[in-house]
Protein backbone atom coordinates (compact mmCIF):
# COMPACT_ATOMS: atom_id res chain seq x y z
CA MET A 1 0.00 0.00 0.00
CA LEU A 2 1.35 3.43 -0.95
CA ASN A 3 2.28 5.86 1.81
CA ARG A 4 0.07 8.97 1.39
CA LYS A 5 0.87 10.65 4.74
CA LEU A 6 3.26 13.20 3.26
CA GLU A 7 0.72 14.11 0.59
CA GLN A 8 -1.87 14.72 3.28
CA THR A 9 0.59 16.97 5.12
CA VAL A 10 1.29 18.94 1.92
CA SER A 11 -2.42 19.20 1.16
CA GLY A 12 -3.17 20.48 4.66
CA TRP A 13 -0.34 23.01 4.43
CA LEU A 14 -1.61 24.31 1.08
CA GLU A 15 -5.18 24.55 2.35
CA ARG A 16 -4.07 26.65 5.37
CA THR A 17 -1.58 28.81 3.52
CA VAL A 18 -2.60 29.56 -0.07
CA THR A 19 -5.67 29.47 -2.27
CA LEU A 20 -5.24 27.57 -5.53
CA SER A 21 -7.62 27.99 -8.46
CA PRO A 22 -7.88 25.78 -11.58
CA ASP A 23 -6.05 28.32 -13.75
CA ASP A 24 -3.11 28.57 -11.34
CA GLY A 25 0.32 27.12 -11.99
CA ILE A 26 3.22 26.06 -9.75
CA ILE A 27 6.87 26.00 -10.74
CA VAL A 28 8.58 23.26 -8.71
CA ALA A 29 12.29 23.75 -7.98
CA LEU A 30 13.63 20.27 -8.80
CA SER A 31 17.20 19.46 -7.81
CA GLY A 32 16.72 15.70 -8.08
CA GLY A 33 17.22 15.11 -4.36
CA ALA A 34 14.75 13.27 -2.14
CA ASP A 35 13.07 16.49 -0.94
CA SER A 36 12.29 17.98 -4.35
CA VAL A 37 11.35 14.63 -5.90
CA SER A 38 8.88 14.06 -3.03
CA LEU A 39 7.42 17.53 -3.49
CA LEU A 40 6.89 17.10 -7.23
CA SER A 41 5.41 13.63 -6.75
CA ALA A 42 3.06 14.78 -3.97
CA LEU A 43 1.74 17.75 -5.96
CA ASP A 44 1.25 15.60 -9.05
CA ARG A 45 -0.64 12.90 -7.13
CA LEU A 46 -2.79 15.47 -5.29
CA ARG A 47 -3.67 16.97 -8.64
CA LYS A 48 -4.54 13.62 -10.16
CA ASP A 49 -6.73 12.45 -7.26
CA GLY A 50 -8.69 15.72 -7.24
CA THR A 51 -7.45 17.00 -3.87
CA LEU A 52 -5.92 19.89 -5.80
CA PRO A 53 -7.61 21.34 -8.91
CA PRO A 54 -7.01 18.77 -11.69
CA GLU A 55 -6.36 21.64 -14.14
CA LEU A 56 -3.52 22.97 -11.95
CA SER A 57 -0.38 23.36 -14.10
CA LEU A 58 2.97 22.03 -12.87
CA LEU A 59 6.34 23.00 -14.33
CA ALA A 60 9.64 21.59 -13.05
CA ALA A 61 12.71 23.86 -13.04
CA HIS A 62 16.26 22.56 -12.63
CA VAL A 63 19.52 24.50 -12.34
CA ASN A 64 22.82 22.85 -13.22
CA HIS A 65 25.24 25.11 -11.37
CA GLY A 66 28.31 23.70 -13.14
CA LEU A 67 30.12 23.21 -9.81
CA ARG A 68 30.26 19.42 -9.44
CA GLY A 69 31.34 18.33 -12.91
CA GLU A 70 29.95 14.96 -14.00
CA GLU A 71 27.84 14.64 -10.86
CA ALA A 72 25.94 17.83 -11.78
CA ASP A 73 25.40 16.52 -15.31
CA ARG A 74 24.17 13.22 -13.82
CA ASP A 75 21.60 15.14 -11.76
CA GLU A 76 20.40 16.97 -14.87
CA ARG A 77 20.01 13.70 -16.80
CA PHE A 78 18.06 12.22 -13.88
CA VAL A 79 15.52 15.07 -13.65
CA ARG A 80 15.05 14.99 -17.42
CA ARG A 81 14.17 11.26 -17.28
CA LEU A 82 11.96 11.76 -14.22
CA CYS A 83 9.93 14.56 -15.78
CA GLU A 84 9.59 12.61 -19.02
CA GLU A 85 8.23 9.61 -17.09
CA MET A 86 5.83 11.81 -15.07
CA GLN A 87 4.86 13.77 -18.20
CA ILE A 88 5.63 17.06 -16.46
CA PRO A 89 7.28 19.84 -18.51
CA LEU A 90 10.79 20.80 -17.47
CA GLN A 91 12.96 23.88 -17.89
CA VAL A 92 16.72 23.59 -17.29
CA LEU A 93 19.27 26.33 -16.74
CA LYS A 94 22.91 25.33 -17.16
CA VAL A 95 25.32 27.93 -15.87
CA ASN A 96 28.81 28.24 -14.42
CA VAL A 97 28.05 29.90 -11.10
CA ALA A 98 31.72 30.43 -10.27
CA GLU A 99 32.12 32.59 -13.37
CA GLN A 100 28.89 34.51 -12.71
CA ARG A 101 29.74 35.68 -9.19
CA LEU A 102 29.49 39.37 -8.48
CA LYS A 103 32.27 41.22 -6.70
CA GLY A 104 32.41 40.14 -3.06
CA GLU A 105 29.79 37.41 -3.59
CA GLY A 106 30.29 33.87 -2.31
CA ILE A 107 29.53 30.73 -4.31
CA GLU A 108 26.43 29.85 -2.29
CA GLU A 109 25.12 33.41 -2.46
CA ALA A 110 25.72 33.59 -6.21
CA GLY A 111 24.01 30.25 -6.75
CA ARG A 112 20.95 31.36 -4.83
CA ARG A 113 20.74 34.65 -6.77
CA ILE A 114 21.01 32.88 -10.13
CA ARG A 115 18.58 30.13 -9.12
CA TYR A 116 15.83 32.44 -7.91
CA GLY A 117 16.38 34.77 -10.84
CA PHE A 118 15.70 31.80 -13.13
CA PHE A 119 12.51 30.95 -11.25
CA ARG A 120 11.30 34.56 -11.48
CA ARG A 121 11.86 34.63 -15.22
CA LEU A 122 9.87 31.43 -15.61
CA GLN A 123 7.05 32.94 -13.54
CA GLN A 124 6.88 35.88 -15.91
CA GLN A 125 7.14 33.66 -18.99
CA TYR A 126 4.38 31.23 -17.94
CA GLY A 127 2.29 33.57 -15.80
CA TYR A 128 2.33 31.18 -12.83
CA ARG A 129 1.63 32.58 -9.36
CA PHE A 130 3.86 30.30 -7.28
CA VAL A 131 7.32 28.81 -7.12
CA ALA A 132 7.48 25.82 -4.75
CA THR A 133 10.79 24.94 -3.10
CA ALA A 134 11.38 21.75 -1.11
CA HIS A 135 12.61 23.22 2.18
CA THR A 136 11.77 20.90 5.07
CA ALA A 137 11.36 21.16 8.84
CA ASP A 138 15.00 20.02 9.16
CA ASP A 139 16.11 22.82 6.83
CA GLN A 140 14.16 25.18 9.07
CA LEU A 141 15.99 23.94 12.17
CA GLU A 142 19.39 24.28 10.50
CA THR A 143 18.56 27.79 9.33
CA VAL A 144 17.48 28.91 12.79
CA LEU A 145 20.69 27.53 14.33
CA LEU A 146 22.81 29.22 11.65
CA ASN A 147 21.09 32.54 12.26
CA LEU A 148 21.52 32.07 16.00
CA THR A 149 25.29 31.71 15.58
CA ARG A 150 25.32 34.96 13.58
CA GLY A 151 23.51 36.87 16.32
CA SER A 152 20.38 37.42 14.24
CA GLY A 153 17.41 39.28 15.65
CA LEU A 154 13.85 38.06 15.85
CA ASN A 155 13.35 38.06 12.08
CA GLY A 156 16.33 35.72 11.61
CA LEU A 157 15.09 33.37 14.32
CA CYS A 158 11.76 33.08 12.45
CA GLY A 159 13.74 31.01 9.95
CA ILE A 160 12.54 30.27 6.42
CA PRO A 161 9.24 32.04 5.65
CA PRO A 162 6.49 29.63 4.52
CA VAL A 163 5.32 32.13 1.88
CA ARG A 164 7.05 35.23 0.55
CA ASP A 165 6.80 37.03 -2.77
CA GLY A 166 5.20 34.06 -4.52
CA ILE A 167 7.68 31.50 -3.11
CA ILE A 168 5.88 28.71 -1.22
CA ARG A 169 7.40 25.89 0.85
CA PRO A 170 4.82 23.11 1.23
CA LEU A 171 7.25 20.67 2.94
CA LEU A 172 8.03 22.85 5.97
CA ASP A 173 5.83 20.60 8.14
CA CYS A 174 7.70 17.47 6.98
CA SER A 175 10.90 16.11 8.49
CA ARG A 176 13.72 14.71 6.38
CA GLU A 177 13.06 11.29 7.91
CA GLU A 178 9.42 11.41 6.75
CA ILE A 179 10.52 12.36 3.25
CA GLU A 180 13.04 9.53 2.98
CA ARG A 181 10.37 7.08 4.20
CA TYR A 182 7.92 8.46 1.62
CA CYS A 183 10.47 7.90 -1.16
CA GLU A 184 11.23 4.36 0.03
CA GLU A 185 7.63 3.25 0.45
CA ASN A 186 6.53 4.82 -2.86
CA HIS A 187 9.57 3.57 -4.79
CA LEU A 188 10.74 7.06 -5.75
CA ASN A 189 14.29 7.30 -7.03
CA PHE A 190 16.44 10.35 -6.29
CA VAL A 191 20.05 11.50 -6.49
CA ILE A 192 22.38 12.40 -3.63
CA ASP A 193 24.55 15.52 -3.70
CA SER A 194 28.01 14.49 -2.48
CA THR A 195 28.63 17.98 -1.06
CA ASN A 196 25.85 17.41 1.51
CA THR A 197 28.40 15.67 3.74
CA ASP A 198 31.18 18.24 3.27
CA THR A 199 31.58 19.94 6.66
CA ALA A 200 33.45 22.82 5.04
CA TYR A 201 29.94 24.19 4.54
CA ARG A 202 28.52 25.61 7.78
CA ARG A 203 25.07 24.13 7.23
CA ASN A 204 26.56 20.66 6.78
CA GLN A 205 28.66 21.15 9.89
CA ILE A 206 25.51 21.86 11.90
CA ARG A 207 23.75 18.89 10.27
CA GLN A 208 26.60 16.46 10.93
CA THR A 209 27.86 17.57 14.35
CA VAL A 210 25.36 19.80 16.17
CA LEU A 211 21.99 18.20 15.39
CA PRO A 212 22.93 14.71 16.65
CA LEU A 213 23.80 16.25 20.03
CA LEU A 214 20.54 18.21 20.15
CA ARG A 215 18.55 15.10 19.26
CA ASP A 216 20.19 13.29 22.17
CA ILE A 217 18.73 16.02 24.40
CA ASN A 218 15.35 16.15 22.65
CA PRO A 219 14.52 13.60 19.92
CA GLN A 220 11.65 15.90 18.85
CA ILE A 221 13.90 18.96 18.35
CA THR A 222 12.71 19.42 14.75
CA SER A 223 9.04 19.72 15.65
CA ALA A 224 9.96 21.84 18.69
CA CYS A 225 11.75 24.27 16.37
CA SER A 226 8.71 24.39 14.09
CA ARG A 227 6.53 25.39 17.04
CA LEU A 228 9.10 28.03 17.99
CA THR A 229 9.24 29.60 14.51
CA ASP A 230 5.44 29.58 14.22
CA SER A 231 5.21 31.50 17.51
CA LEU A 232 8.01 33.91 16.63
CA ARG A 233 6.44 34.71 13.26
CA GLU A 234 3.28 35.80 15.07
CA ASP A 235 5.37 38.06 17.32
CA GLU A 236 7.24 39.38 14.30
CA ALA A 237 4.00 40.18 12.48
CA LEU A 238 2.70 42.16 15.46
CA LEU A 239 5.94 44.11 15.90
CA SER A 240 6.08 44.85 12.17
CA ARG A 241 2.54 46.26 12.26
CA LEU A 242 3.34 48.43 15.30
CA THR A 243 6.50 49.67 13.59
CA ARG A 244 4.55 50.66 10.47
CA GLU A 245 2.07 52.57 12.64
CA LEU A 246 4.94 54.33 14.45
CA LEU A 247 6.56 55.40 11.19
CA GLN A 248 3.25 56.62 9.77
CA SER A 249 2.65 58.81 12.82
CA ALA A 250 6.24 60.15 12.89
CA ARG A 251 6.61 60.83 9.16
CA ARG A 252 6.23 64.40 7.94
CA PRO A 253 5.09 65.41 4.44
CA ASP A 254 8.70 66.29 3.49
CA GLY A 255 9.85 62.71 4.17
CA GLN A 256 11.58 63.46 7.47
CA TYR A 257 10.64 61.85 10.78
CA ASP A 258 9.82 63.48 14.10
CA ARG A 259 12.66 62.60 16.48
CA ASN A 260 10.59 63.05 19.64
CA LEU A 261 7.82 60.72 18.46
CA LEU A 262 10.39 58.06 17.58
CA LEU A 263 12.13 58.35 20.96
CA PHE A 264 8.81 57.94 22.73
CA ALA A 265 8.60 54.36 21.37
CA PRO A 266 10.05 51.33 23.22
CA PRO A 267 13.62 50.44 22.13
CA ALA A 268 12.47 47.35 20.20
CA LEU A 269 10.14 49.43 18.03
CA LEU A 270 12.59 52.33 17.75
CA ARG A 271 15.33 50.13 16.29
CA ARG A 272 12.92 48.53 13.86
CA ALA A 273 11.72 51.98 12.82
CA ILE A 274 15.31 53.16 12.27
CA LYS A 275 16.00 50.11 10.11
CA GLY A 276 12.81 50.74 8.14
CA VAL A 277 13.71 54.39 7.49
CA MET A 278 17.15 53.44 6.18
CA GLU A 279 15.87 50.59 4.00
CA THR A 280 13.14 52.79 2.53
CA ALA A 281 15.88 55.18 1.39
CA GLY A 282 17.69 52.30 -0.32
CA GLY A 283 20.20 51.57 2.44
CA ASP A 284 21.49 48.17 3.53
CA PRO A 285 22.02 48.72 7.27
CA GLU A 286 23.78 46.40 9.68
CA GLU A 287 23.08 46.19 13.39
CA ARG A 288 25.94 48.60 14.16
CA HIS A 289 24.39 51.22 11.88
CA ILE A 290 21.04 50.90 13.64
CA ARG A 291 22.72 51.33 17.03
CA SER A 292 24.68 54.36 15.80
CA VAL A 293 21.54 56.10 14.52
CA GLU A 294 19.81 55.32 17.81
CA GLN A 295 22.66 57.11 19.62
CA MET A 296 22.34 60.03 17.19
CA LEU A 297 18.61 60.28 17.94
CA ARG A 298 19.23 60.32 21.68
CA ALA A 299 22.00 62.92 21.29
CA GLY A 300 19.86 65.05 19.00
CA GLU A 301 22.36 65.36 16.14
CA GLY A 302 24.71 63.44 13.90
CA VAL A 303 25.40 62.24 10.37
CA LEU A 304 26.13 58.68 9.21
CA GLN A 305 26.89 57.12 5.84
CA ILE A 306 25.60 53.55 5.41
CA PRO A 307 25.94 50.94 2.64
CA GLY A 308 23.74 51.69 -0.32
CA GLU A 309 25.08 55.25 -0.59
CA VAL A 310 22.55 56.53 1.93
CA THR A 311 23.15 59.42 4.33
CA VAL A 312 21.33 59.41 7.65
CA LYS A 313 21.08 62.76 9.44
CA VAL A 314 19.62 63.85 12.78
CA LYS A 315 19.16 67.59 13.07
CA ASP A 316 16.56 70.04 14.42
CA ASN A 317 14.61 67.21 16.07
CA LEU A 318 14.22 65.43 12.73
CA LEU A 319 15.55 62.18 11.25
CA LEU A 320 16.23 61.98 7.53
CA ALA A 321 17.68 59.16 5.42
CA ALA A 322 18.37 60.02 1.80
CA SER A 323 20.21 58.31 -1.03
CA ARG A 324 23.01 60.18 -2.70
CA PRO A 325 21.66 61.79 -5.86
CA ALA A 326 23.04 60.24 -9.01
CA ARG A 327 25.34 62.59 -10.85
CA PRO A 328 25.96 62.45 -14.55
CA GLU A 329 29.51 61.72 -15.61
CA LYS A 330 29.64 65.16 -17.25
CA LEU A 331 27.48 68.08 -16.23
CA PRO A 332 26.35 70.23 -19.19
CA TYR A 333 27.27 73.89 -19.00
CA PHE A 334 24.78 75.92 -16.97
CA GLU A 335 24.18 79.64 -16.42
CA TYR A 336 21.20 81.18 -14.57
CA PRO A 337 20.31 84.65 -13.28
CA VAL A 338 20.27 84.91 -9.50
CA GLU A 339 18.26 87.14 -7.19
CA PRO A 340 17.00 86.74 -3.62
CA GLY A 341 14.29 84.08 -3.34
CA VAL A 342 15.35 82.06 -6.38
CA THR A 343 15.78 78.29 -6.10
CA LEU A 344 17.83 76.34 -8.65
CA THR A 345 18.76 72.68 -9.16
CA ILE A 346 22.36 72.20 -10.23
CA GLY A 347 24.05 68.82 -10.58
CA GLY A 348 21.36 67.06 -8.55
CA LYS A 349 21.47 69.60 -5.68
CA THR A 350 18.96 72.33 -4.92
CA TYR A 351 20.39 75.79 -4.17
CA THR A 352 18.61 78.77 -2.65
CA ALA A 353 19.49 82.49 -2.78
CA ARG A 354 18.45 84.53 0.25
CA CYS A 355 19.15 88.13 1.32
CA VAL A 356 19.39 88.70 5.10
CA THR A 357 20.24 91.56 7.43
CA ARG A 358 23.51 91.70 9.33
CA GLU A 359 21.70 90.89 12.58
CA ASN A 360 19.94 87.90 11.02
CA PHE A 361 23.22 86.69 9.58
CA GLU A 362 25.02 86.87 12.92
CA ASN A 363 22.25 84.85 14.55
CA THR A 364 22.50 82.26 11.80
CA ARG A 365 26.27 82.19 12.16
CA LYS A 366 25.97 81.18 15.82
CA VAL A 367 24.21 77.99 14.74
CA TYR A 368 25.85 77.26 11.37
CA LYS A 369 29.58 77.82 11.67
CA ASN A 370 30.29 77.41 7.95
CA VAL A 371 27.70 79.94 6.74
CA LEU A 372 30.50 82.34 5.72
CA LYS A 373 31.39 79.98 2.87
CA PHE A 374 28.05 80.82 1.24
CA ALA A 375 27.88 84.57 1.97
CA LEU A 376 28.84 87.86 0.30
CA ASP A 377 28.10 91.61 0.67
CA TYR A 378 25.02 92.09 -1.52
CA ASP A 379 25.53 95.86 -1.90
CA ARG A 380 28.98 95.44 -3.49
CA ILE A 381 27.73 93.44 -6.47
CA THR A 382 28.18 95.15 -9.84
CA ASN A 383 24.97 95.01 -11.85
CA GLY A 384 23.40 91.60 -12.64
CA LEU A 385 24.28 88.45 -10.73
CA ILE A 386 24.48 85.00 -12.35
CA VAL A 387 25.45 81.50 -11.29
CA ARG A 388 27.33 79.43 -13.82
CA GLN A 389 29.80 76.67 -14.38
CA ARG A 390 33.52 77.52 -14.21
CA LYS A 391 35.23 78.78 -17.36
CA ILE A 392 38.79 78.63 -18.54
CA GLY A 393 40.59 81.79 -17.43
CA ASP A 394 38.37 82.51 -14.38
CA VAL A 395 40.32 84.51 -11.79
CA PHE A 396 39.55 84.59 -8.09
CA HIS A 397 40.85 86.61 -5.14
CA PRO A 398 39.96 84.71 -1.94
CA VAL A 399 39.48 86.72 1.26
CA GLY A 400 42.86 87.25 2.89
CA GLY A 401 44.74 85.59 0.04
CA ALA A 402 46.44 86.37 -3.25
CA GLY A 403 44.62 86.46 -6.58
CA LYS A 404 44.89 83.32 -8.69
CA THR A 405 43.15 81.37 -11.40
CA LEU A 406 40.18 79.26 -10.38
CA LYS A 407 42.06 76.21 -11.61
CA LYS A 408 44.93 76.85 -9.22
CA TYR A 409 42.55 77.57 -6.34
CA PHE A 410 40.78 74.21 -6.88
CA GLN A 411 44.15 72.47 -7.02
CA GLU A 412 45.15 74.05 -3.69
CA GLN A 413 41.83 72.95 -2.18
CA LYS A 414 42.47 69.41 -3.52
CA ILE A 415 39.15 69.30 -5.39
CA PRO A 416 39.11 66.34 -7.85
CA THR A 417 38.94 67.46 -11.46
CA GLU A 418 35.69 65.58 -12.11
CA GLN A 419 33.95 67.43 -9.25
CA ARG A 420 34.90 70.99 -10.23
CA ALA A 421 32.20 71.37 -12.89
CA PHE A 422 29.53 70.72 -10.20
CA ILE A 423 30.57 73.69 -8.01
CA PRO A 424 28.34 76.75 -8.70
CA ILE A 425 30.26 79.96 -9.40
CA LEU A 426 28.48 83.29 -8.70
CA CYS A 427 29.56 86.16 -10.92
CA ASP A 428 28.66 89.80 -11.54
CA ASP A 429 29.78 92.06 -14.39
CA ASP A 430 33.28 92.33 -12.88
CA GLY A 431 33.92 88.62 -12.45
CA VAL A 432 33.72 85.88 -9.82
CA VAL A 433 32.16 86.91 -6.50
CA LEU A 434 31.58 83.54 -4.79
CA ILE A 435 32.76 79.96 -5.09
CA THR A 436 29.81 78.27 -3.41
CA GLY A 437 30.87 76.39 -0.30
CA PHE A 438 34.41 77.82 -0.26
CA SER A 439 34.79 81.60 -0.16
CA CYS A 440 33.60 84.89 -1.62
CA ASP A 441 35.93 87.19 -3.56
CA HIS A 442 37.86 89.78 -1.54
CA ARG A 443 35.99 92.71 -3.13
CA VAL A 444 32.58 91.50 -1.87
CA ARG A 445 33.82 90.38 1.55
CA LEU A 446 31.82 91.13 4.70
CA ASP A 447 33.08 93.90 6.98
CA GLU A 448 31.73 96.35 9.58
CA GLN A 449 29.97 98.42 6.89
CA THR A 450 28.04 95.44 5.47
CA LYS A 451 24.28 95.81 5.85
CA ARG A 452 22.75 93.26 3.45
CA ILE A 453 24.18 89.78 2.97
CA LEU A 454 23.39 87.40 0.13
CA LEU A 455 23.45 83.70 0.95
CA PHE A 456 23.63 81.10 -1.83
CA TYR A 457 23.60 77.60 -0.39
CA PRO A 458 22.50 74.01 -1.02
CA ALA A 459 19.15 73.18 0.57
CA GLU A 460 20.53 70.42 2.84
CA THR A 461 23.04 72.83 4.46
CA TYR A 462 20.55 74.76 6.64
């Protein structure tokens, strides 16, 4: 008599987790191992006996990673024969993962990226809603232990998600022992990956050395871990919802976040909110970045650069995370008239011109120490004022220094050549009056007679 227990487990999992309609399709990730062969067989039998919609489409997908030579080719030949016997269509990707690695990417990471990219392309090609992978309860236990050794937070201890972005894992309630018994009692052939016993891989090391010890302590450790991850996922869902509500209440229309509202939250929510703010801006934060921003929030100020070219800033009781604006390799020549109140975008940055009184300027100077780099005496300008890109032959006389060409001045300031075209130059009829962010010309310097001061500065400065 055939063993149908695993099929019943898969059927129950599908009924609780997803809704399948007759016009749905599932792409089954088929390596040829016992797990994936069992999954494909169970889905096919459930479809044929009417437990699942008989019209449900199944497509097997196999990736030959090109890492195990003849053994990998053997696996490919096996899945081709299997799918032919089962009359299930198959798509195969043969690739040399080692040659396709990105900079800084490990073999396992590259293989996973290529594998799931292949599955996504098949989803788009066939219009199928789901990709089913054969992760088991034992895989779940190994993943949780691996994440534990890395110091993962709650999300990592939740292990492999049962469903995410169209990826479903119908075998998560099945142990590896149950799967091997299903294959034996139903006469299902499968291949064995020789690298599964190589303890150079951390997962195999846990499988070969750690799990036997844990099973001596608790023979039911696999099911105990499943109960743990189910419970933790419920906690994670609640905390995620509370974090979203916190961010919604703290977010202002300009995209910044109210520091005081964030600090009012418990630390667990605050750190999640910080992580969410940085990820929304395109950042890839680590735990140390989250802790640093938390310290900045408590101190009331600070700036931090994080991976993903994102700048995180705390200032004026606000938190802002913004990606660095993309700059073109070459900035076309620009020239615009300037008067108080004008706002211009130059090289991805927004600049504002503002005229202030001496008293107002001195008050601003107490807060922003570098404001002098953006200031000049407005009453000493000769006729019209423009902002433009540098030109060959521009001459500049910095305050307190000798006159020199703009090229020499930039060289002295160690400004890379490719950045010089992005620096706005303010000019009147007599020449350069301000190199934005550096200094005004000596003839428009501020002194005791200055009454009106023109500021020309990038928006993020003040």
